[in-house]
N, C-alpha and C. Protein backbone atom coordinates (compact mmCIF):
# COMPACT_ATOMS: atom_id res chain seq x y z
N MET A 1 123.44 132.17 19.14
CA MET A 1 123.40 133.36 18.29
C MET A 1 124.51 133.27 17.24
N SER A 2 124.25 133.90 16.12
CA SER A 2 125.21 133.80 15.03
C SER A 2 125.82 135.15 14.72
N TRP A 3 126.93 135.07 14.03
CA TRP A 3 127.58 136.25 13.51
C TRP A 3 127.47 136.15 12.00
N VAL A 4 126.41 136.71 11.44
CA VAL A 4 126.14 136.62 10.01
C VAL A 4 126.81 137.77 9.30
N GLY A 5 127.62 137.45 8.31
CA GLY A 5 128.23 138.48 7.47
C GLY A 5 128.98 139.53 8.27
N GLY A 6 129.62 139.14 9.39
CA GLY A 6 130.38 140.08 10.18
C GLY A 6 129.53 140.89 11.14
N LEU A 7 128.25 140.57 11.26
CA LEU A 7 127.38 141.31 12.17
C LEU A 7 127.43 140.69 13.56
N ALA A 8 127.44 141.52 14.55
CA ALA A 8 127.31 141.01 15.91
C ALA A 8 125.88 140.51 16.09
N PRO A 9 125.65 139.59 17.04
CA PRO A 9 124.29 139.15 17.30
C PRO A 9 123.39 140.34 17.62
N ALA A 10 122.10 140.22 17.29
CA ALA A 10 121.14 141.32 17.47
C ALA A 10 121.13 141.80 18.91
N SER A 11 120.87 140.96 19.83
CA SER A 11 120.82 141.22 21.27
C SER A 11 120.44 139.90 21.90
N PRO A 12 120.66 139.75 23.19
CA PRO A 12 120.23 138.49 23.81
C PRO A 12 118.71 138.33 23.68
N PRO A 13 118.24 137.13 23.39
CA PRO A 13 116.79 136.90 23.29
C PRO A 13 116.10 137.28 24.60
N GLY A 14 114.90 137.85 24.45
CA GLY A 14 114.07 138.18 25.60
C GLY A 14 114.21 139.59 26.13
N VAL A 15 115.21 140.33 25.66
CA VAL A 15 115.33 141.72 26.12
C VAL A 15 114.44 142.61 25.27
N ALA A 16 114.13 143.79 25.78
CA ALA A 16 113.28 144.73 25.05
C ALA A 16 113.92 145.09 23.71
N MET A 17 113.08 145.20 22.70
CA MET A 17 113.54 145.53 21.35
C MET A 17 113.97 146.99 21.31
N THR A 18 115.08 147.24 20.65
CA THR A 18 115.54 148.60 20.36
C THR A 18 115.68 148.71 18.85
N ARG A 19 115.80 149.93 18.35
CA ARG A 19 115.97 150.10 16.91
C ARG A 19 117.23 149.40 16.43
N GLU A 20 118.30 149.52 17.21
CA GLU A 20 119.56 148.88 16.83
C GLU A 20 119.43 147.36 16.79
N ALA A 21 118.73 146.80 17.77
CA ALA A 21 118.52 145.35 17.79
C ALA A 21 117.66 144.93 16.60
N ALA A 22 116.62 145.72 16.29
CA ALA A 22 115.76 145.43 15.15
C ALA A 22 116.58 145.47 13.86
N GLN A 23 117.43 146.48 13.74
CA GLN A 23 118.28 146.63 12.56
C GLN A 23 119.16 145.39 12.36
N ARG A 24 119.84 144.96 13.42
CA ARG A 24 120.73 143.80 13.31
C ARG A 24 119.93 142.52 13.06
N LEU A 25 118.74 142.42 13.66
CA LEU A 25 117.90 141.23 13.47
C LEU A 25 117.46 141.11 12.01
N VAL A 26 116.99 142.22 11.44
CA VAL A 26 116.57 142.21 10.04
C VAL A 26 117.77 141.92 9.14
N GLN A 27 118.90 142.54 9.42
CA GLN A 27 120.10 142.28 8.62
C GLN A 27 120.48 140.80 8.68
N SER A 28 120.36 140.20 9.86
CA SER A 28 120.74 138.79 10.00
C SER A 28 119.85 137.89 9.16
N PHE A 29 118.62 138.32 8.92
CA PHE A 29 117.71 137.53 8.07
C PHE A 29 117.90 137.86 6.60
N VAL A 30 118.02 139.13 6.27
CA VAL A 30 118.06 139.58 4.87
C VAL A 30 119.39 139.29 4.21
N ARG A 31 120.48 139.48 4.89
CA ARG A 31 121.79 139.36 4.23
C ARG A 31 122.07 138.00 3.62
N PRO A 32 121.78 136.88 4.29
CA PRO A 32 122.04 135.61 3.62
C PRO A 32 121.13 135.38 2.40
N GLU A 33 120.00 136.08 2.36
CA GLU A 33 119.01 135.88 1.29
C GLU A 33 119.10 136.94 0.20
N GLY A 34 119.69 138.09 0.51
CA GLY A 34 119.67 139.20 -0.43
C GLY A 34 121.02 139.84 -0.61
N PRO A 35 121.01 141.14 -0.96
CA PRO A 35 122.27 141.84 -1.21
C PRO A 35 123.14 141.89 0.05
N LEU A 36 124.43 141.68 -0.14
CA LEU A 36 125.34 141.67 1.01
C LEU A 36 125.40 143.02 1.71
N GLN A 37 125.12 144.08 1.00
CA GLN A 37 125.21 145.41 1.61
C GLN A 37 123.85 145.94 2.06
N SER A 38 122.87 145.07 2.22
CA SER A 38 121.55 145.51 2.65
C SER A 38 121.63 146.17 4.01
N PRO A 39 121.01 147.34 4.15
CA PRO A 39 121.03 147.99 5.46
C PRO A 39 120.06 147.34 6.44
N GLY A 40 119.21 146.44 5.96
CA GLY A 40 118.19 145.86 6.83
C GLY A 40 117.01 146.79 6.93
N LEU A 41 117.16 147.86 7.70
CA LEU A 41 116.16 148.93 7.80
C LEU A 41 116.80 150.21 7.31
N ASN A 42 116.04 151.00 6.55
CA ASN A 42 116.59 152.28 6.09
C ASN A 42 116.46 153.34 7.19
N ALA A 43 116.83 154.56 6.88
CA ALA A 43 116.81 155.64 7.88
C ALA A 43 115.41 155.91 8.42
N GLU A 44 114.38 155.62 7.62
CA GLU A 44 112.99 155.82 8.05
C GLU A 44 112.45 154.62 8.82
N GLY A 45 113.24 153.55 8.93
CA GLY A 45 112.82 152.38 9.69
C GLY A 45 112.09 151.33 8.88
N PHE A 46 112.24 151.36 7.55
CA PHE A 46 111.59 150.39 6.68
C PHE A 46 112.62 149.50 5.99
N GLY A 47 112.21 148.28 5.68
CA GLY A 47 113.06 147.36 4.94
C GLY A 47 112.20 146.30 4.30
N GLY A 48 112.81 145.49 3.46
CA GLY A 48 112.05 144.43 2.83
C GLY A 48 112.91 143.49 2.04
N VAL A 49 112.31 142.36 1.72
CA VAL A 49 113.00 141.36 0.92
C VAL A 49 111.94 140.57 0.15
N SER A 50 112.32 140.15 -1.04
CA SER A 50 111.45 139.31 -1.85
C SER A 50 112.20 138.02 -2.11
N MET A 51 111.54 136.88 -1.79
CA MET A 51 112.18 135.60 -2.06
C MET A 51 111.13 134.52 -2.22
N GLY A 52 111.39 133.63 -3.15
CA GLY A 52 110.48 132.52 -3.38
C GLY A 52 109.06 132.95 -3.73
N GLY A 53 108.91 134.12 -4.33
CA GLY A 53 107.59 134.62 -4.70
C GLY A 53 106.90 135.41 -3.60
N ALA A 54 107.46 135.40 -2.39
CA ALA A 54 106.86 136.13 -1.27
C ALA A 54 107.54 137.48 -1.07
N GLN A 55 106.77 138.44 -0.58
CA GLN A 55 107.31 139.75 -0.26
C GLN A 55 107.14 140.00 1.23
N LEU A 56 108.25 140.30 1.89
CA LEU A 56 108.26 140.51 3.33
C LEU A 56 108.76 141.92 3.62
N TYR A 57 108.01 142.64 4.44
CA TYR A 57 108.34 144.02 4.78
C TYR A 57 108.59 144.14 6.27
N PHE A 58 109.50 145.04 6.62
CA PHE A 58 109.84 145.30 8.02
C PHE A 58 109.59 146.78 8.31
N GLU A 59 109.06 147.06 9.49
CA GLU A 59 108.84 148.44 9.90
C GLU A 59 109.14 148.58 11.38
N TRP A 60 110.01 149.53 11.70
CA TRP A 60 110.33 149.85 13.08
C TRP A 60 109.33 150.90 13.58
N HIS A 61 108.70 150.60 14.71
CA HIS A 61 107.74 151.53 15.33
C HIS A 61 108.41 152.15 16.56
N GLU A 62 108.83 153.38 16.40
CA GLU A 62 109.53 154.08 17.47
C GLU A 62 108.64 154.26 18.70
N ASP A 63 107.36 154.59 18.46
CA ASP A 63 106.45 154.88 19.57
C ASP A 63 106.22 153.68 20.48
N THR A 64 106.20 152.48 19.92
CA THR A 64 105.97 151.28 20.73
C THR A 64 107.24 150.45 20.92
N GLN A 65 108.34 150.90 20.31
CA GLN A 65 109.62 150.18 20.39
C GLN A 65 109.42 148.73 19.95
N ALA A 66 108.86 148.56 18.76
CA ALA A 66 108.56 147.22 18.24
C ALA A 66 108.91 147.12 16.76
N LEU A 67 109.25 145.91 16.34
CA LEU A 67 109.53 145.60 14.94
C LEU A 67 108.34 144.85 14.39
N GLU A 68 107.72 145.42 13.34
CA GLU A 68 106.60 144.77 12.67
C GLU A 68 107.11 144.11 11.39
N CYS A 69 106.75 142.84 11.21
CA CYS A 69 107.16 142.06 10.05
C CYS A 69 105.89 141.63 9.32
N SER A 70 105.77 142.00 8.06
CA SER A 70 104.51 141.79 7.32
C SER A 70 104.78 141.13 5.97
N ALA A 71 104.11 140.00 5.75
CA ALA A 71 104.21 139.28 4.48
C ALA A 71 102.97 139.61 3.65
N LEU A 72 103.19 140.09 2.44
CA LEU A 72 102.09 140.50 1.57
C LEU A 72 101.26 139.31 1.12
N VAL A 73 99.94 139.43 1.29
CA VAL A 73 99.00 138.43 0.79
C VAL A 73 98.41 138.90 -0.53
N TYR A 74 97.93 140.16 -0.55
CA TYR A 74 97.25 140.67 -1.74
C TYR A 74 97.24 142.19 -1.72
N LYS A 75 97.46 142.78 -2.89
CA LYS A 75 97.35 144.23 -3.05
C LYS A 75 96.10 144.51 -3.86
N PHE A 76 95.14 145.19 -3.24
CA PHE A 76 93.88 145.52 -3.90
C PHE A 76 94.09 146.69 -4.86
N HIS A 77 93.44 146.65 -6.02
CA HIS A 77 93.52 147.75 -6.98
C HIS A 77 92.61 148.89 -6.55
N GLU A 78 91.52 148.53 -5.91
CA GLU A 78 90.54 149.49 -5.36
C GLU A 78 90.33 149.11 -3.90
N PRO A 79 89.76 150.01 -3.11
CA PRO A 79 89.45 149.61 -1.73
C PRO A 79 88.58 148.35 -1.74
N PRO A 80 88.84 147.41 -0.82
CA PRO A 80 88.06 146.16 -0.84
C PRO A 80 86.58 146.39 -0.56
N LYS A 81 85.76 145.55 -1.16
CA LYS A 81 84.31 145.62 -0.97
C LYS A 81 83.98 145.29 0.49
N PRO A 82 82.83 145.77 0.97
CA PRO A 82 82.42 145.44 2.34
C PRO A 82 82.38 143.93 2.57
N GLY A 83 82.90 143.53 3.71
CA GLY A 83 82.90 142.12 4.09
C GLY A 83 84.16 141.35 3.73
N VAL A 84 84.99 141.89 2.85
CA VAL A 84 86.17 141.16 2.40
C VAL A 84 87.20 141.02 3.53
N ILE A 85 87.55 142.11 4.16
CA ILE A 85 88.56 142.05 5.24
C ILE A 85 88.02 141.21 6.40
N GLU A 86 86.75 141.36 6.70
CA GLU A 86 86.13 140.57 7.77
C GLU A 86 86.16 139.07 7.44
N ALA A 87 86.02 138.73 6.17
CA ALA A 87 86.09 137.33 5.76
C ALA A 87 87.52 136.78 5.93
N PHE A 88 88.53 137.60 5.65
CA PHE A 88 89.90 137.18 5.90
C PHE A 88 90.12 136.99 7.40
N GLN A 89 89.60 137.91 8.21
CA GLN A 89 89.73 137.78 9.66
C GLN A 89 89.01 136.53 10.16
N ALA A 90 87.89 136.18 9.56
CA ALA A 90 87.16 134.97 9.93
C ALA A 90 88.00 133.73 9.62
N GLU A 91 88.70 133.74 8.49
CA GLU A 91 89.58 132.62 8.15
C GLU A 91 90.64 132.43 9.23
N GLU A 92 91.20 133.54 9.69
CA GLU A 92 92.21 133.47 10.75
C GLU A 92 91.60 132.89 12.03
N LYS A 93 90.43 133.39 12.42
CA LYS A 93 89.77 132.92 13.64
C LYS A 93 89.38 131.45 13.55
N GLU A 94 89.08 130.99 12.34
CA GLU A 94 88.68 129.59 12.13
C GLU A 94 89.88 128.65 12.12
N GLY A 95 91.09 129.21 12.23
CA GLY A 95 92.28 128.38 12.36
C GLY A 95 93.08 128.16 11.11
N THR A 96 92.80 128.88 10.03
CA THR A 96 93.63 128.76 8.83
C THR A 96 95.05 129.17 9.20
N ASP A 97 96.03 128.35 8.82
CA ASP A 97 97.43 128.61 9.18
C ASP A 97 97.87 129.97 8.66
N SER A 98 98.23 130.85 9.59
CA SER A 98 98.67 132.19 9.22
C SER A 98 100.17 132.36 9.46
N GLY A 99 100.87 131.26 9.63
CA GLY A 99 102.32 131.34 9.82
C GLY A 99 102.73 132.09 11.06
N GLY A 100 101.84 132.15 12.04
CA GLY A 100 102.13 132.88 13.27
C GLY A 100 101.77 134.35 13.21
N GLY A 101 101.25 134.78 12.07
CA GLY A 101 100.87 136.19 11.91
C GLY A 101 99.39 136.42 12.12
N THR A 102 99.01 137.66 12.06
CA THR A 102 97.61 138.04 12.13
C THR A 102 97.25 138.83 10.87
N VAL A 103 95.97 138.78 10.50
CA VAL A 103 95.49 139.52 9.34
C VAL A 103 95.64 141.02 9.61
N ASP A 104 96.25 141.71 8.65
CA ASP A 104 96.56 143.13 8.82
C ASP A 104 96.29 143.83 7.48
N TYR A 105 95.23 144.64 7.44
CA TYR A 105 94.92 145.41 6.22
C TYR A 105 95.43 146.83 6.42
N GLU A 106 96.22 147.31 5.48
CA GLU A 106 96.78 148.67 5.51
C GLU A 106 96.07 149.52 4.45
N PRO A 107 95.10 150.35 4.86
CA PRO A 107 94.31 151.11 3.87
C PRO A 107 95.14 152.10 3.04
N GLU A 108 96.24 152.63 3.60
CA GLU A 108 97.00 153.64 2.86
C GLU A 108 97.63 153.07 1.59
N ASN A 109 97.93 151.76 1.57
CA ASN A 109 98.45 151.18 0.34
C ASN A 109 97.57 150.03 -0.18
N ARG A 110 96.36 149.91 0.40
CA ARG A 110 95.36 148.91 -0.02
C ARG A 110 95.96 147.51 -0.08
N SER A 111 96.75 147.15 0.93
CA SER A 111 97.41 145.85 0.95
C SER A 111 97.00 145.04 2.17
N LEU A 112 96.88 143.74 1.94
CA LEU A 112 96.55 142.80 3.00
C LEU A 112 97.81 142.00 3.32
N PHE A 113 98.13 141.94 4.60
CA PHE A 113 99.34 141.25 5.06
C PHE A 113 99.00 140.24 6.14
N LEU A 114 99.92 139.32 6.36
CA LEU A 114 99.98 138.55 7.59
C LEU A 114 101.17 139.15 8.34
N SER A 115 100.92 139.64 9.56
CA SER A 115 101.94 140.39 10.28
C SER A 115 102.23 139.83 11.65
N ARG A 116 103.47 139.98 12.06
CA ARG A 116 103.93 139.65 13.42
C ARG A 116 104.67 140.86 13.94
N THR A 117 104.51 141.12 15.23
CA THR A 117 105.20 142.24 15.86
C THR A 117 106.04 141.72 17.01
N TYR A 118 107.26 142.21 17.08
CA TYR A 118 108.20 141.81 18.12
C TYR A 118 108.54 143.00 19.01
N ALA A 119 108.16 142.92 20.29
CA ALA A 119 108.51 143.94 21.27
C ALA A 119 109.73 143.50 22.08
N GLN A 120 110.02 142.20 22.00
CA GLN A 120 111.22 141.65 22.63
C GLN A 120 112.05 140.96 21.54
N VAL A 121 113.35 140.95 21.75
CA VAL A 121 114.25 140.36 20.77
C VAL A 121 114.10 138.84 20.80
N PRO A 122 113.79 138.23 19.65
CA PRO A 122 113.75 136.76 19.58
C PRO A 122 115.14 136.21 19.27
N ASP A 123 115.30 134.93 19.43
CA ASP A 123 116.51 134.25 19.00
C ASP A 123 116.60 134.41 17.47
N GLU A 124 117.79 134.66 16.93
CA GLU A 124 117.93 134.91 15.49
C GLU A 124 117.47 133.74 14.63
N ARG A 125 117.79 132.53 15.03
CA ARG A 125 117.36 131.37 14.24
C ARG A 125 115.85 131.22 14.29
N ALA A 126 115.26 131.43 15.46
CA ALA A 126 113.80 131.35 15.59
C ALA A 126 113.15 132.43 14.74
N PHE A 127 113.74 133.63 14.72
CA PHE A 127 113.23 134.73 13.91
C PHE A 127 113.25 134.34 12.43
N GLY A 128 114.35 133.76 11.98
CA GLY A 128 114.45 133.32 10.58
C GLY A 128 113.38 132.30 10.24
N LYS A 129 113.17 131.34 11.13
CA LYS A 129 112.12 130.33 10.91
C LYS A 129 110.74 130.99 10.91
N ASP A 130 110.52 131.92 11.83
CA ASP A 130 109.24 132.64 11.89
C ASP A 130 108.97 133.36 10.57
N MET A 131 109.98 134.03 10.02
CA MET A 131 109.80 134.80 8.79
C MET A 131 109.52 133.87 7.62
N LYS A 132 110.17 132.74 7.57
CA LYS A 132 109.92 131.79 6.49
C LYS A 132 108.52 131.20 6.58
N LYS A 133 108.04 130.92 7.81
CA LYS A 133 106.67 130.42 7.98
C LYS A 133 105.66 131.49 7.58
N LEU A 134 105.94 132.74 7.94
CA LEU A 134 105.04 133.85 7.59
C LEU A 134 104.95 134.01 6.07
N MET A 135 106.09 133.94 5.39
CA MET A 135 106.10 134.08 3.94
C MET A 135 105.39 132.90 3.27
N LYS A 136 105.64 131.69 3.75
CA LYS A 136 104.97 130.52 3.18
C LYS A 136 103.46 130.64 3.33
N ALA A 137 103.00 131.06 4.52
CA ALA A 137 101.56 131.23 4.75
C ALA A 137 100.99 132.31 3.84
N SER A 138 101.73 133.39 3.64
CA SER A 138 101.21 134.48 2.79
C SER A 138 100.99 134.01 1.37
N LEU A 139 101.84 133.13 0.88
CA LEU A 139 101.66 132.59 -0.48
C LEU A 139 100.41 131.71 -0.54
N THR A 140 100.20 130.90 0.48
CA THR A 140 99.00 130.06 0.53
C THR A 140 97.75 130.93 0.62
N TRP A 141 97.79 131.95 1.45
CA TRP A 141 96.64 132.85 1.58
C TRP A 141 96.37 133.55 0.25
N GLY A 142 97.42 133.94 -0.47
CA GLY A 142 97.24 134.61 -1.75
C GLY A 142 96.65 133.72 -2.82
N ARG A 143 96.89 132.41 -2.71
CA ARG A 143 96.36 131.46 -3.70
C ARG A 143 95.02 130.89 -3.26
N GLU A 144 95.01 130.21 -2.12
CA GLU A 144 93.85 129.43 -1.70
C GLU A 144 92.83 130.22 -0.89
N VAL A 145 93.30 130.93 0.11
CA VAL A 145 92.38 131.64 1.00
C VAL A 145 91.68 132.77 0.26
N LEU A 146 92.38 133.44 -0.62
CA LEU A 146 91.78 134.51 -1.42
C LEU A 146 90.57 133.99 -2.18
N ASP A 147 90.69 132.82 -2.80
CA ASP A 147 89.56 132.23 -3.52
C ASP A 147 88.40 131.91 -2.60
N ARG A 148 88.69 131.35 -1.42
CA ARG A 148 87.63 131.02 -0.46
C ARG A 148 86.91 132.27 0.01
N VAL A 149 87.69 133.32 0.28
CA VAL A 149 87.10 134.58 0.73
C VAL A 149 86.21 135.17 -0.36
N ALA A 150 86.68 135.14 -1.59
CA ALA A 150 85.86 135.66 -2.70
C ALA A 150 84.56 134.90 -2.80
N SER A 151 84.63 133.57 -2.67
CA SER A 151 83.40 132.76 -2.72
C SER A 151 82.48 133.09 -1.55
N ARG A 152 83.08 133.24 -0.37
CA ARG A 152 82.31 133.51 0.84
C ARG A 152 81.59 134.85 0.76
N VAL A 153 82.26 135.84 0.21
CA VAL A 153 81.70 137.20 0.18
C VAL A 153 80.80 137.42 -1.03
N PHE A 154 81.24 136.96 -2.20
CA PHE A 154 80.53 137.28 -3.44
C PHE A 154 79.59 136.19 -3.94
N HIS A 155 79.81 134.94 -3.50
CA HIS A 155 78.97 133.83 -3.95
C HIS A 155 78.65 132.88 -2.80
N PRO A 156 78.03 133.38 -1.74
CA PRO A 156 77.75 132.51 -0.59
C PRO A 156 76.82 131.34 -0.93
N GLU A 157 76.01 131.49 -1.95
CA GLU A 157 75.10 130.41 -2.33
C GLU A 157 75.88 129.17 -2.81
N GLU A 158 77.06 129.37 -3.38
CA GLU A 158 77.88 128.24 -3.82
C GLU A 158 78.35 127.42 -2.61
N LEU A 159 78.68 128.09 -1.52
CA LEU A 159 79.14 127.40 -0.33
C LEU A 159 78.02 126.61 0.32
N GLU A 160 76.80 127.13 0.22
CA GLU A 160 75.64 126.47 0.84
C GLU A 160 75.33 125.14 0.14
N LYS A 161 75.69 125.03 -1.13
CA LYS A 161 75.43 123.79 -1.89
C LYS A 161 76.32 122.65 -1.45
N ARG A 162 77.46 123.00 -0.85
CA ARG A 162 78.45 121.97 -0.47
C ARG A 162 78.07 121.25 0.78
């Protein structure tokens, strides 16, 4: 475990996640990459960081005592057409690298994410690697998978020719 920027380690790996542990875990990831005074999670339990073109969001869920980490794939301007979200889910089921996350569509902000949820505290270094894999996958999904899904949903006849 590390002491990043004067922070004590989040908690021993494998113990149940608490808000305080989630706060320190997010800070341990965000501070080396972002503002030194980042709170990690705000008073409402939300946080985020943008790096290398990827956007990563954190949300503390009090009811389940879990930290949700979500890398943005795409923000829809309108609600997605029928079959679009299901096509993204099919990509995940078919084994497209999701960086350890799962397809997560949030209708309230019309955004598609790759998300991971932690109910137990992970090792800080492993968490950092997990977040970087999630962000890398989200960028690939935003470029390549988005095009495949559009073809699959809106132009299936093109796929049949291949």
